């Protein structure tokens, strides 16, 4: 899982979807799935999802029971007109690893 998270981060960086500015605390505090009301999907990955999963892994805590990153990424990429199949592959792998973790 750590490898997939790092690979996802690298893909976001290389594709220009990695931000250098941190969103506001209120944007990060969204309770809407994927913080869709306050963050772009790639920002949610960068500032919430990747750090949270890394923290869970480092602490030995259980991962979420279900993960649906790939479908959300498909919508996000389609809306932006971006072709990034490598990211979809990585996110599908993360989805599967989380689902199989039980």
PDB file of N, CA and C in Angstrom:
ATOM      1  N   UNK A   1       0.825  -1.196   0.000  1.00  0.00           N
ATOM      2  CA  UNK A   1       0.000   0.000   0.000  1.00  0.00           C
ATOM      3  C   UNK A   1       0.868   1.260   0.000  1.00  0.00           C
ATOM      4  N   UNK A   2       1.933   1.252   0.790  1.00  0.00           N
ATOM      5  CA  UNK A   2       2.809   2.434   0.828  1.00  0.00           C
ATOM      6  C   UNK A   2       3.345   2.761  -0.561  1.00  0.00           C
ATOM      7  N   UNK A   3       3.722   1.711  -1.286  1.00  0.00           N
ATOM      8  CA  UNK A   3       4.242   1.912  -2.646  1.00  0.00           C
ATOM      9  C   UNK A   3       3.186   2.569  -3.530  1.00  0.00           C
ATOM     10  N   UNK A   4       1.959   2.112  -3.439  1.00  0.00           N
ATOM     11  CA  UNK A   4       0.882   2.668  -4.273  1.00  0.00           C
ATOM     12  C   UNK A   4       0.609   4.128  -3.921  1.00  0.00           C
ATOM     13  N   UNK A   5       0.656   4.453  -2.641  1.00  0.00           N
ATOM     14  CA  UNK A   5       0.442   5.845  -2.232  1.00  0.00           C
ATOM     15  C   UNK A   5       1.556   6.746  -2.754  1.00  0.00           C
ATOM     16  N   UNK A   6       2.796   6.267  -2.661  1.00  0.00           N
ATOM     17  CA  UNK A   6       3.934   7.048  -3.170  1.00  0.00           C
ATOM     18  C   UNK A   6       3.856   7.184  -4.683  1.00  0.00           C
ATOM     19  N   UNK A   7       3.497   6.110  -5.365  1.00  0.00           N
ATOM     20  CA  UNK A   7       3.371   6.162  -6.823  1.00  0.00           C
ATOM     21  C   UNK A   7       2.256   7.122  -7.235  1.00  0.00           C
ATOM     22  N   UNK A   8       1.170   7.132  -6.493  1.00  0.00           N
ATOM     23  CA  UNK A   8       0.071   8.057  -6.774  1.00  0.00           C
ATOM     24  C   UNK A   8       0.530   9.496  -6.571  1.00  0.00           C
ATOM     25  N   UNK A   9       1.229   9.740  -5.484  1.00  0.00           N
ATOM     26  CA  UNK A   9       1.772  11.079  -5.235  1.00  0.00           C
ATOM     27  C   UNK A   9       2.691  11.508  -6.373  1.00  0.00           C
ATOM     28  N   UNK A  10       3.565  10.620  -6.804  1.00  0.00           N
ATOM     29  CA  UNK A  10       4.487  10.950  -7.897  1.00  0.00           C
ATOM     30  C   UNK A  10       3.746  11.262  -9.192  1.00  0.00           C
ATOM     31  N   UNK A  11       2.697  10.507  -9.486  1.00  0.00           N
ATOM     32  CA  UNK A  11       1.899  10.778 -10.690  1.00  0.00           C
ATOM     33  C   UNK A  11       1.224  12.144 -10.608  1.00  0.00           C
ATOM     34  N   UNK A  12       0.690  12.475  -9.447  1.00  0.00           N
ATOM     35  CA  UNK A  12       0.061  13.785  -9.278  1.00  0.00           C
ATOM     36  C   UNK A  12       1.086  14.898  -9.462  1.00  0.00           C
ATOM     37  N   UNK A  13       2.266  14.706  -8.904  1.00  0.00           N
ATOM     38  CA  UNK A  13       3.329  15.712  -9.048  1.00  0.00           C
ATOM     39  C   UNK A  13       3.733  15.880 -10.515  1.00  0.00           C
ATOM     40  N   UNK A  14       3.991  14.773 -11.182  1.00  0.00           N
ATOM     41  CA  UNK A  14       4.464  14.819 -12.574  1.00  0.00           C
ATOM     42  C   UNK A  14       3.417  15.365 -13.537  1.00  0.00           C
ATOM     43  N   UNK A  15       2.150  15.205 -13.189  1.00  0.00           N
ATOM     44  CA  UNK A  15       1.078  15.667 -14.076  1.00  0.00           C
ATOM     45  C   UNK A  15       0.636  17.095 -13.765  1.00  0.00           C
ATOM     46  N   UNK A  16       1.284  17.734 -12.800  1.00  0.00           N
ATOM     47  CA  UNK A  16       0.927  19.107 -12.454  1.00  0.00           C
ATOM     48  C   UNK A  16      -0.302  19.221 -11.576  1.00  0.00           C
ATOM     49  N   UNK A  17      -0.711  18.116 -10.970  1.00  0.00           N
ATOM     50  CA  UNK A  17      -1.893  18.119 -10.112  1.00  0.00           C
ATOM     51  C   UNK A  17      -1.530  18.117  -8.631  1.00  0.00           C
ATOM     52  N   UNK A  18      -0.309  18.480  -8.306  1.00  0.00           N
ATOM     53  CA  UNK A  18       0.154  18.550  -6.911  1.00  0.00           C
ATOM     54  C   UNK A  18       0.274  20.016  -6.543  1.00  0.00           C
ATOM     55  N   UNK A  19      -0.409  20.423  -5.507  1.00  0.00           N
ATOM     56  CA  UNK A  19      -0.460  21.828  -5.126  1.00  0.00           C
ATOM     57  C   UNK A  19       0.652  22.194  -4.151  1.00  0.00           C
ATOM     58  N   UNK A  20       1.115  23.436  -4.258  1.00  0.00           N
ATOM     59  CA  UNK A  20       2.116  23.936  -3.320  1.00  0.00           C
ATOM     60  C   UNK A  20       1.482  24.743  -2.193  1.00  0.00           C
ATOM     61  N   UNK A  21       0.195  25.035  -2.315  1.00  0.00           N
ATOM     62  CA  UNK A  21      -0.482  25.794  -1.258  1.00  0.00           C
ATOM     63  C   UNK A  21      -1.533  24.913  -0.576  1.00  0.00           C
ATOM     64  N   UNK A  22      -1.541  24.968   0.735  1.00  0.00           N
ATOM     65  CA  UNK A  22      -2.458  24.165   1.539  1.00  0.00           C
ATOM     66  C   UNK A  22      -3.830  24.836   1.570  1.00  0.00           C
ATOM     67  N   UNK A  23      -4.895  24.056   1.356  1.00  0.00           N
ATOM     68  CA  UNK A  23      -6.244  24.622   1.448  1.00  0.00           C
ATOM     69  C   UNK A  23      -6.532  25.132   2.866  1.00  0.00           C
ATOM     70  N   UNK A  24      -7.545  25.946   2.980  1.00  0.00           N
ATOM     71  CA  UNK A  24      -7.927  26.503   4.282  1.00  0.00           C
ATOM     72  C   UNK A  24      -8.392  25.385   5.218  1.00  0.00           C
ATOM     73  N   UNK A  25      -8.283  25.614   6.518  1.00  0.00           N
ATOM     74  CA  UNK A  25      -8.780  24.623   7.476  1.00  0.00           C
ATOM     75  C   UNK A  25     -10.255  24.282   7.263  1.00  0.00           C
ATOM     76  N   UNK A  26     -11.061  25.261   6.892  1.00  0.00           N
ATOM     77  CA  UNK A  26     -12.481  24.975   6.668  1.00  0.00           C
ATOM     78  C   UNK A  26     -12.681  24.086   5.442  1.00  0.00           C
ATOM     79  N   UNK A  27     -11.874  24.268   4.414  1.00  0.00           N
ATOM     80  CA  UNK A  27     -11.965  23.405   3.230  1.00  0.00           C
ATOM     81  C   UNK A  27     -11.579  21.974   3.587  1.00  0.00           C
ATOM     82  N   UNK A  28     -10.578  21.827   4.425  1.00  0.00           N
ATOM     83  CA  UNK A  28     -10.120  20.499   4.836  1.00  0.00           C
ATOM     84  C   UNK A  28     -11.088  19.831   5.809  1.00  0.00           C
ATOM     85  N   UNK A  29     -11.942  20.606   6.444  1.00  0.00           N
ATOM     86  CA  UNK A  29     -12.873  20.072   7.441  1.00  0.00           C
ATOM     87  C   UNK A  29     -14.197  19.609   6.842  1.00  0.00           C
ATOM     88  N   UNK A  30     -14.338  19.651   5.541  1.00  0.00           N
ATOM     89  CA  UNK A  30     -15.581  19.247   4.893  1.00  0.00           C
ATOM     90  C   UNK A  30     -15.982  17.836   5.317  1.00  0.00           C
ATOM     91  N   UNK A  31     -17.281  17.622   5.475  1.00  0.00           N
ATOM     92  CA  UNK A  31     -17.791  16.289   5.796  1.00  0.00           C
ATOM     93  C   UNK A  31     -18.433  15.619   4.580  1.00  0.00           C
ATOM     94  N   UNK A  32     -18.426  16.304   3.454  1.00  0.00           N
ATOM     95  CA  UNK A  32     -18.961  15.756   2.212  1.00  0.00           C
ATOM     96  C   UNK A  32     -17.956  14.734   1.670  1.00  0.00           C
ATOM     97  N   UNK A  33     -18.434  13.596   1.122  1.00  0.00           N
ATOM     98  CA  UNK A  33     -17.488  12.629   0.557  1.00  0.00           C
ATOM     99  C   UNK A  33     -16.520  13.290  -0.429  1.00  0.00           C
ATOM    100  N   UNK A  34     -15.261  12.921  -0.313  1.00  0.00           N
ATOM    101  CA  UNK A  34     -14.179  13.458  -1.140  1.00  0.00           C
ATOM    102  C   UNK A  34     -14.022  14.973  -0.979  1.00  0.00           C
ATOM    103  N   UNK A  35     -14.653  15.549   0.049  1.00  0.00           N
ATOM    104  CA  UNK A  35     -14.642  17.005   0.258  1.00  0.00           C
ATOM    105  C   UNK A  35     -15.001  17.721  -1.046  1.00  0.00           C
ATOM    106  N   UNK A  36     -15.923  17.112  -1.781  1.00  0.00           N
ATOM    107  CA  UNK A  36     -16.274  17.604  -3.115  1.00  0.00           C
ATOM    108  C   UNK A  36     -16.845  19.014  -3.107  1.00  0.00           C
ATOM    109  N   UNK A  37     -17.318  19.459  -1.963  1.00  0.00           N
ATOM    110  CA  UNK A  37     -17.866  20.814  -1.885  1.00  0.00           C
ATOM    111  C   UNK A  37     -16.790  21.880  -1.681  1.00  0.00           C
ATOM    112  N   UNK A  38     -15.578  21.464  -1.282  1.00  0.00           N
ATOM    113  CA  UNK A  38     -14.541  22.456  -0.971  1.00  0.00           C
ATOM    114  C   UNK A  38     -13.204  22.216  -1.660  1.00  0.00           C
ATOM    115  N   UNK A  39     -12.967  20.998  -2.140  1.00  0.00           N
ATOM    116  CA  UNK A  39     -11.670  20.672  -2.742  1.00  0.00           C
ATOM    117  C   UNK A  39     -11.844  20.006  -4.096  1.00  0.00           C
ATOM    118  N   UNK A  40     -10.878  20.223  -4.975  1.00  0.00           N
ATOM    119  CA  UNK A  40     -10.801  19.425  -6.200  1.00  0.00           C
ATOM    120  C   UNK A  40     -10.350  18.023  -5.789  1.00  0.00           C
ATOM    121  N   UNK A  41     -10.695  17.035  -6.578  1.00  0.00           N
ATOM    122  CA  UNK A  41     -10.380  15.650  -6.224  1.00  0.00           C
ATOM    123  C   UNK A  41      -8.889  15.444  -5.963  1.00  0.00           C
ATOM    124  N   UNK A  42      -8.046  16.026  -6.816  1.00  0.00           N
ATOM    125  CA  UNK A  42      -6.604  15.830  -6.620  1.00  0.00           C
ATOM    126  C   UNK A  42      -6.123  16.480  -5.323  1.00  0.00           C
ATOM    127  N   UNK A  43      -6.746  17.590  -4.923  1.00  0.00           N
ATOM    128  CA  UNK A  43      -6.392  18.205  -3.643  1.00  0.00           C
ATOM    129  C   UNK A  43      -6.844  17.327  -2.479  1.00  0.00           C
ATOM    130  N   UNK A  44      -8.001  16.716  -2.610  1.00  0.00           N
ATOM    131  CA  UNK A  44      -8.474  15.793  -1.576  1.00  0.00           C
ATOM    132  C   UNK A  44      -7.498  14.629  -1.423  1.00  0.00           C
ATOM    133  N   UNK A  45      -7.045  14.078  -2.559  1.00  0.00           N
ATOM    134  CA  UNK A  45      -6.048  13.004  -2.484  1.00  0.00           C
ATOM    135  C   UNK A  45      -4.797  13.483  -1.756  1.00  0.00           C
ATOM    136  N   UNK A  46      -4.305  14.643  -2.159  1.00  0.00           N
ATOM    137  CA  UNK A  46      -3.046  15.161  -1.622  1.00  0.00           C
ATOM    138  C   UNK A  46      -3.129  15.524  -0.144  1.00  0.00           C
ATOM    139  N   UNK A  47      -4.151  16.237   0.242  1.00  0.00           N
ATOM    140  CA  UNK A  47      -4.185  16.811   1.586  1.00  0.00           C
ATOM    141  C   UNK A  47      -4.975  15.999   2.608  1.00  0.00           C
ATOM    142  N   UNK A  48      -5.825  15.096   2.152  1.00  0.00           N
ATOM    143  CA  UNK A  48      -6.619  14.314   3.099  1.00  0.00           C
ATOM    144  C   UNK A  48      -6.392  12.809   2.967  1.00  0.00           C
ATOM    145  N   UNK A  49      -6.615  12.260   1.788  1.00  0.00           N
ATOM    146  CA  UNK A  49      -6.588  10.804   1.647  1.00  0.00           C
ATOM    147  C   UNK A  49      -5.196  10.208   1.849  1.00  0.00           C
ATOM    148  N   UNK A  50      -4.222  10.663   1.090  1.00  0.00           N
ATOM    149  CA  UNK A  50      -2.876  10.077   1.184  1.00  0.00           C
ATOM    150  C   UNK A  50      -2.304  10.233   2.597  1.00  0.00           C
ATOM    151  N   UNK A  51      -2.347  11.432   3.192  1.00  0.00           N
ATOM    152  CA  UNK A  51      -1.823  11.547   4.564  1.00  0.00           C
ATOM    153  C   UNK A  51      -2.583  10.671   5.571  1.00  0.00           C
ATOM    154  N   UNK A  52      -3.897  10.583   5.415  1.00  0.00           N
ATOM    155  CA  UNK A  52      -4.696   9.780   6.351  1.00  0.00           C
ATOM    156  C   UNK A  52      -4.337   8.304   6.245  1.00  0.00           C
ATOM    157  N   UNK A  53      -4.234   7.775   5.033  1.00  0.00           N
ATOM    158  CA  UNK A  53      -3.868   6.371   4.891  1.00  0.00           C
ATOM    159  C   UNK A  53      -2.456   6.114   5.402  1.00  0.00           C
ATOM    160  N   UNK A  54      -1.541   7.013   5.116  1.00  0.00           N
ATOM    161  CA  UNK A  54      -0.177   6.849   5.641  1.00  0.00           C
ATOM    162  C   UNK A  54      -0.191   6.824   7.165  1.00  0.00           C
ATOM    163  N   UNK A  55      -0.988   7.676   7.769  1.00  0.00           N
ATOM    164  CA  UNK A  55      -1.090   7.720   9.224  1.00  0.00           C
ATOM    165  C   UNK A  55      -1.678   6.423   9.780  1.00  0.00           C
ATOM    166  N   UNK A  56      -2.725   5.915   9.154  1.00  0.00           N
ATOM    167  CA  UNK A  56      -3.328   4.658   9.597  1.00  0.00           C
ATOM    168  C   UNK A  56      -2.326   3.514   9.510  1.00  0.00           C
ATOM    169  N   UNK A  57      -1.597   3.448   8.402  1.00  0.00           N
ATOM    170  CA  UNK A  57      -0.608   2.384   8.207  1.00  0.00           C
ATOM    171  C   UNK A  57       0.496   2.494   9.256  1.00  0.00           C
ATOM    172  N   UNK A  58       1.016   3.696   9.451  1.00  0.00           N
ATOM    173  CA  UNK A  58       2.105   3.908  10.411  1.00  0.00           C
ATOM    174  C   UNK A  58       1.672   3.573  11.835  1.00  0.00           C
ATOM    175  N   UNK A  59       0.404   3.801  12.141  1.00  0.00           N
ATOM    176  CA  UNK A  59      -0.114   3.546  13.488  1.00  0.00           C
ATOM    177  C   UNK A  59      -0.600   2.114  13.672  1.00  0.00           C
ATOM    178  N   UNK A  60      -0.630   1.356  12.577  1.00  0.00           N
ATOM    179  CA  UNK A  60      -1.127  -0.012  12.650  1.00  0.00           C
ATOM    180  C   UNK A  60      -2.627  -0.094  12.832  1.00  0.00           C
ATOM    181  N   UNK A  61      -3.315   0.975  12.488  1.00  0.00           N
ATOM    182  CA  UNK A  61      -4.772   1.010  12.615  1.00  0.00           C
ATOM    183  C   UNK A  61      -5.421   0.436  11.362  1.00  0.00           C
ATOM    184  N   UNK A  62      -6.661  -0.037  11.481  1.00  0.00           N
ATOM    185  CA  UNK A  62      -7.326  -0.618  10.311  1.00  0.00           C
ATOM    186  C   UNK A  62      -7.601   0.428   9.232  1.00  0.00           C
ATOM    187  N   UNK A  63      -7.530  -0.026   8.012  1.00  0.00           N
ATOM    188  CA  UNK A  63      -7.870   0.821   6.869  1.00  0.00           C
ATOM    189  C   UNK A  63      -9.387   0.865   6.724  1.00  0.00           C
ATOM    190  N   UNK A  64      -9.906   1.826   5.963  1.00  0.00           N
ATOM    191  CA  UNK A  64     -11.358   1.854   5.730  1.00  0.00           C
ATOM    192  C   UNK A  64     -11.823   0.529   5.129  1.00  0.00           C
ATOM    193  N   UNK A  65     -13.076   0.191   5.349  1.00  0.00           N
ATOM    194  CA  UNK A  65     -13.608  -1.071   4.844  1.00  0.00           C
ATOM    195  C   UNK A  65     -13.856  -1.029   3.341  1.00  0.00           C
ATOM    196  N   UNK A  66     -14.157   0.145   2.824  1.00  0.00           N
ATOM    197  CA  UNK A  66     -14.496   0.304   1.411  1.00  0.00           C
ATOM    198  C   UNK A  66     -13.773   1.526   0.871  1.00  0.00           C
ATOM    199  N   UNK A  67     -13.386   1.432  -0.385  1.00  0.00           N
ATOM    200  CA  UNK A  67     -12.704   2.556  -1.021  1.00  0.00           C
ATOM    201  C   UNK A  67     -13.172   2.629  -2.468  1.00  0.00           C
ATOM    202  N   UNK A  68     -13.552   3.805  -2.921  1.00  0.00           N
ATOM    203  CA  UNK A  68     -14.048   3.977  -4.286  1.00  0.00           C
ATOM    204  C   UNK A  68     -13.393   5.147  -4.986  1.00  0.00           C
ATOM    205  N   UNK A  69     -12.068   5.130  -5.005  1.00  0.00           N
ATOM    206  CA  UNK A  69     -11.324   6.238  -5.605  1.00  0.00           C
ATOM    207  C   UNK A  69     -11.443   6.290  -7.124  1.00  0.00           C
ATOM    208  N   UNK A  70     -11.319   5.144  -7.767  1.00  0.00           N
ATOM    209  CA  UNK A  70     -11.244   5.123  -9.230  1.00  0.00           C
ATOM    210  C   UNK A  70     -12.475   5.733  -9.901  1.00  0.00           C
ATOM    211  N   UNK A  71     -13.698   5.393  -9.482  1.00  0.00           N
ATOM    212  CA  UNK A  71     -14.857   6.019 -10.135  1.00  0.00           C
ATOM    213  C   UNK A  71     -14.870   7.540  -9.993  1.00  0.00           C
ATOM    214  N   UNK A  72     -14.499   8.033  -8.824  1.00  0.00           N
ATOM    215  CA  UNK A  72     -14.452   9.487  -8.620  1.00  0.00           C
ATOM    216  C   UNK A  72     -13.369  10.108  -9.493  1.00  0.00           C
ATOM    217  N   UNK A  73     -12.232   9.446  -9.590  1.00  0.00           N
ATOM    218  CA  UNK A  73     -11.138   9.948 -10.429  1.00  0.00           C
ATOM    219  C   UNK A  73     -11.551   9.997 -11.895  1.00  0.00           C
ATOM    220  N   UNK A  74     -12.289   8.995 -12.346  1.00  0.00           N
ATOM    221  CA  UNK A  74     -12.744   8.983 -13.737  1.00  0.00           C
ATOM    222  C   UNK A  74     -13.603  10.211 -14.033  1.00  0.00           C
ATOM    223  N   UNK A  75     -14.512  10.535 -13.132  1.00  0.00           N
ATOM    224  CA  UNK A  75     -15.372  11.714 -13.307  1.00  0.00           C
ATOM    225  C   UNK A  75     -14.524  12.982 -13.315  1.00  0.00           C
ATOM    226  N   UNK A  76     -13.638  13.101 -12.342  1.00  0.00           N
ATOM    227  CA  UNK A  76     -12.771  14.277 -12.224  1.00  0.00           C
ATOM    228  C   UNK A  76     -11.931  14.471 -13.487  1.00  0.00           C
ATOM    229  N   UNK A  77     -11.283  13.418 -13.949  1.00  0.00           N
ATOM    230  CA  UNK A  77     -10.414  13.524 -15.122  1.00  0.00           C
ATOM    231  C   UNK A  77     -11.223  13.843 -16.375  1.00  0.00           C
ATOM    232  N   UNK A  78     -12.391  13.226 -16.509  1.00  0.00           N
ATOM    233  CA  UNK A  78     -13.249  13.493 -17.665  1.00  0.00           C
ATOM    234  C   UNK A  78     -13.675  14.960 -17.678  1.00  0.00           C
ATOM    235  N   UNK A  79     -14.074  15.486 -16.520  1.00  0.00           N
ATOM    236  CA  UNK A  79     -14.502  16.889 -16.435  1.00  0.00           C
ATOM    237  C   UNK A  79     -13.373  17.844 -16.792  1.00  0.00           C
ATOM    238  N   UNK A  80     -12.164  17.479 -16.465  1.00  0.00           N
ATOM    239  CA  UNK A  80     -11.002  18.327 -16.757  1.00  0.00           C
ATOM    240  C   UNK A  80     -10.420  18.068 -18.140  1.00  0.00           C
ATOM    241  N   UNK A  81     -10.914  17.050 -18.827  1.00  0.00           N
ATOM    242  CA  UNK A  81     -10.384  16.704 -20.137  1.00  0.00           C
ATOM    243  C   UNK A  81      -8.961  16.179 -20.068  1.00  0.00           C
ATOM    244  N   UNK A  82      -8.652  15.500 -18.975  1.00  0.00           N
ATOM    245  CA  UNK A  82      -7.295  14.998 -18.747  1.00  0.00           C
ATOM    246  C   UNK A  82      -7.255  13.491 -18.976  1.00  0.00           C
ATOM    247  N   UNK A  83      -6.261  13.049 -19.722  1.00  0.00           N
ATOM    248  CA  UNK A  83      -6.010  11.627 -19.922  1.00  0.00           C
ATOM    249  C   UNK A  83      -4.875  11.221 -18.995  1.00  0.00           C
ATOM    250  N   UNK A  84      -5.174  10.435 -17.987  1.00  0.00           N
ATOM    251  CA  UNK A  84      -4.155  10.005 -17.038  1.00  0.00           C
ATOM    252  C   UNK A  84      -4.437   8.554 -16.631  1.00  0.00           C
ATOM    253  N   UNK A  85      -4.313   7.622 -17.590  1.00  0.00           N
ATOM    254  CA  UNK A  85      -4.649   6.224 -17.289  1.00  0.00           C
ATOM    255  C   UNK A  85      -3.799   5.623 -16.172  1.00  0.00           C
ATOM    256  N   UNK A  86      -2.555   6.085 -16.027  1.00  0.00           N
ATOM    257  CA  UNK A  86      -1.696   5.542 -14.967  1.00  0.00           C
ATOM    258  C   UNK A  86      -2.284   5.838 -13.590  1.00  0.00           C
ATOM    259  N   UNK A  87      -2.871   7.015 -13.429  1.00  0.00           N
ATOM    260  CA  UNK A  87      -3.479   7.372 -12.151  1.00  0.00           C
ATOM    261  C   UNK A  87      -4.675   6.472 -11.867  1.00  0.00           C
ATOM    262  N   UNK A  88      -5.479   6.218 -12.880  1.00  0.00           N
ATOM    263  CA  UNK A  88      -6.633   5.335 -12.688  1.00  0.00           C
ATOM    264  C   UNK A  88      -6.194   3.936 -12.287  1.00  0.00           C
ATOM    265  N   UNK A  89      -5.128   3.443 -12.893  1.00  0.00           N
ATOM    266  CA  UNK A  89      -4.606   2.117 -12.534  1.00  0.00           C
ATOM    267  C   UNK A  89      -4.184   2.104 -11.068  1.00  0.00           C
ATOM    268  N   UNK A  90      -3.448   3.114 -10.646  1.00  0.00           N
ATOM    269  CA  UNK A  90      -2.989   3.191  -9.245  1.00  0.00           C
ATOM    270  C   UNK A  90      -4.173   3.263  -8.286  1.00  0.00           C
ATOM    271  N   UNK A  91      -5.153   4.082  -8.611  1.00  0.00           N
ATOM    272  CA  UNK A  91      -6.293   4.238  -7.713  1.00  0.00           C
ATOM    273  C   UNK A  91      -7.151   2.975  -7.668  1.00  0.00           C
ATOM    274  N   UNK A  92      -7.270   2.271  -8.782  1.00  0.00           N
ATOM    275  CA  UNK A  92      -7.985   0.981  -8.769  1.00  0.00           C
ATOM    276  C   UNK A  92      -7.249  -0.015  -7.883  1.00  0.00           C
ATOM    277  N   UNK A  93      -5.922   0.009  -7.949  1.00  0.00           N
ATOM    278  CA  UNK A  93      -5.123  -0.879  -7.103  1.00  0.00           C
ATOM    279  C   UNK A  93      -5.334  -0.545  -5.633  1.00  0.00           C
ATOM    280  N   UNK A  94      -5.318   0.734  -5.293  1.00  0.00           N
ATOM    281  CA  UNK A  94      -5.569   1.138  -3.902  1.00  0.00           C
ATOM    282  C   UNK A  94      -6.970   0.705  -3.478  1.00  0.00           C
ATOM    283  N   UNK A  95      -7.959   0.913  -4.339  1.00  0.00           N
ATOM    284  CA  UNK A  95      -9.323   0.467  -4.031  1.00  0.00           C
ATOM    285  C   UNK A  95      -9.329  -1.023  -3.692  1.00  0.00           C
ATOM    286  N   UNK A  96      -8.651  -1.807  -4.508  1.00  0.00           N
ATOM    287  CA  UNK A  96      -8.622  -3.259  -4.306  1.00  0.00           C
ATOM    288  C   UNK A  96      -7.873  -3.636  -3.030  1.00  0.00           C
ATOM    289  N   UNK A  97      -6.743  -2.991  -2.779  1.00  0.00           N
ATOM    290  CA  UNK A  97      -5.974  -3.287  -1.563  1.00  0.00           C
ATOM    291  C   UNK A  97      -6.776  -2.965  -0.304  1.00  0.00           C
ATOM    292  N   UNK A  98      -7.498  -1.866  -0.320  1.00  0.00           N
ATOM    293  CA  UNK A  98      -8.323  -1.508   0.838  1.00  0.00           C
ATOM    294  C   UNK A  98      -9.451  -2.515   1.005  1.00  0.00           C
ATOM    295  N   UNK A  99     -10.113  -2.863  -0.086  1.00  0.00           N
ATOM    296  CA  UNK A  99     -11.225  -3.807  -0.033  1.00  0.00           C
ATOM    297  C   UNK A  99     -10.767  -5.185   0.437  1.00  0.00           C
ATOM    298  N   UNK A 100      -9.593  -5.623  -0.020  1.00  0.00           N
ATOM    299  CA  UNK A 100      -9.066  -6.943   0.346  1.00  0.00           C
ATOM    300  C   UNK A 100      -8.443  -6.965   1.733  1.00  0.00           C
ATOM    301  N   UNK A 101      -8.317  -5.815   2.356  1.00  0.00           N
ATOM    302  CA  UNK A 101      -7.634  -5.704   3.644  1.00  0.00           C
ATOM    303  C   UNK A 101      -8.392  -6.380   4.786  1.00  0.00           C
ATOM    304  N   UNK A 102      -9.695  -6.551   4.625  1.00  0.00           N
ATOM    305  CA  UNK A 102     -10.497  -7.137   5.720  1.00  0.00           C
ATOM    306  C   UNK A 102     -10.054  -8.503   6.058  1.00  0.00           C
TER     307      UNK A 102
END
